[in-house]
């Protein structure tokens, strides 16, 4: 559950922390574009959340992380 919330929080839309990380790497004009349209990104975030698209966005990342954790556990415990 924690991994899922962490991955979800990294989506680069303004209410989430991913937007704060992304904005550090953007050039000046892209930062301005991002900040000027922040309210539109909030609406996009709500639509993604309400329609259930968040699951489709997060699932590949969660599957990758989970399989990696399982492989590490198998290596450590030699199962």
Protein backbone atom coordinates (compact mmCIF):
# COMPACT_ATOMS: atom_id res chain seq x y z
CA UNK A 1 0.00 0.00 0.00
CA UNK A 2 2.80 2.42 0.88
CA UNK A 3 4.58 1.76 -2.39
CA UNK A 4 1.39 2.47 -4.31
CA UNK A 5 0.86 5.77 -2.52
CA UNK A 6 4.49 6.73 -3.06
CA UNK A 7 4.34 6.02 -6.78
CA UNK A 8 1.00 7.84 -7.07
CA UNK A 9 2.48 10.86 -5.29
CA UNK A 10 5.23 11.07 -7.91
CA UNK A 11 2.78 11.76 -10.76
CA UNK A 12 3.82 15.22 -11.99
CA UNK A 13 0.53 17.06 -11.42
CA UNK A 14 0.40 20.10 -9.09
CA UNK A 15 -1.33 18.75 -6.02
CA UNK A 16 1.23 15.93 -5.89
CA UNK A 17 4.93 16.03 -5.04
CA UNK A 18 5.93 14.85 -8.49
CA UNK A 19 5.18 18.33 -9.84
CA UNK A 20 7.57 19.89 -7.33
CA UNK A 21 10.31 17.51 -8.43
CA UNK A 22 9.60 17.97 -12.13
CA UNK A 23 9.61 21.77 -11.97
CA UNK A 24 13.21 21.77 -10.69
CA UNK A 25 14.39 20.20 -13.96
CA UNK A 26 12.35 22.24 -16.41
CA UNK A 27 13.72 25.19 -18.40
CA UNK A 28 12.42 28.66 -17.52
CA UNK A 29 9.70 28.84 -20.20
CA UNK A 30 8.40 25.39 -19.33
CA UNK A 31 8.26 26.39 -15.64
CA UNK A 32 6.21 29.46 -16.56
CA UNK A 33 3.87 27.36 -18.70
CA UNK A 34 3.47 24.89 -15.85
CA UNK A 35 2.79 27.59 -13.26
CA UNK A 36 0.44 29.58 -15.50
CA UNK A 37 -1.74 26.52 -16.14
CA UNK A 38 -1.63 25.08 -12.64
CA UNK A 39 -5.42 25.26 -12.23
CA UNK A 40 -5.88 23.21 -15.41
CA UNK A 41 -3.54 20.57 -14.00
CA UNK A 42 -5.65 20.42 -10.83
CA UNK A 43 -8.69 19.65 -12.96
CA UNK A 44 -6.70 17.02 -14.86
CA UNK A 45 -5.66 15.47 -11.55
CA UNK A 46 -9.28 15.29 -10.41
CA UNK A 47 -10.34 13.70 -13.68
CA UNK A 48 -7.57 11.11 -13.47
CA UNK A 49 -8.55 10.31 -9.90
CA UNK A 50 -12.33 10.18 -10.46
CA UNK A 51 -12.26 8.18 -13.71
CA UNK A 52 -9.88 5.56 -12.36
CA UNK A 53 -7.10 6.29 -14.87
CA UNK A 54 -4.69 6.57 -11.96
CA UNK A 55 -4.67 2.79 -11.69
CA UNK A 56 -3.58 2.43 -15.31
CA UNK A 57 -0.82 4.98 -14.78
CA UNK A 58 0.48 3.44 -11.57
CA UNK A 59 0.08 -0.29 -12.28
CA UNK A 60 3.18 -0.73 -14.50
CA UNK A 61 5.39 1.04 -11.97
CA UNK A 62 3.96 -0.97 -9.08
CA UNK A 63 4.40 -4.24 -10.93
CA UNK A 64 8.03 -3.38 -11.67
CA UNK A 65 8.77 -2.41 -8.05
CA UNK A 66 6.96 -5.43 -6.62
CA UNK A 67 8.76 -7.88 -8.89
CA UNK A 68 12.07 -6.27 -7.98
CA UNK A 69 11.31 -6.59 -4.27
CA UNK A 70 10.30 -10.23 -4.71
CA UNK A 71 13.52 -10.97 -6.62
CA UNK A 72 15.59 -9.33 -3.89
CA UNK A 73 13.77 -11.35 -1.21
CA UNK A 74 14.33 -14.57 -3.20
CA UNK A 75 18.02 -13.73 -3.52
CA UNK A 76 18.40 -12.97 0.19
CA UNK A 77 16.48 -16.01 1.42
CA UNK A 78 17.62 -18.26 -1.45
CA UNK A 79 14.12 -19.45 -2.24
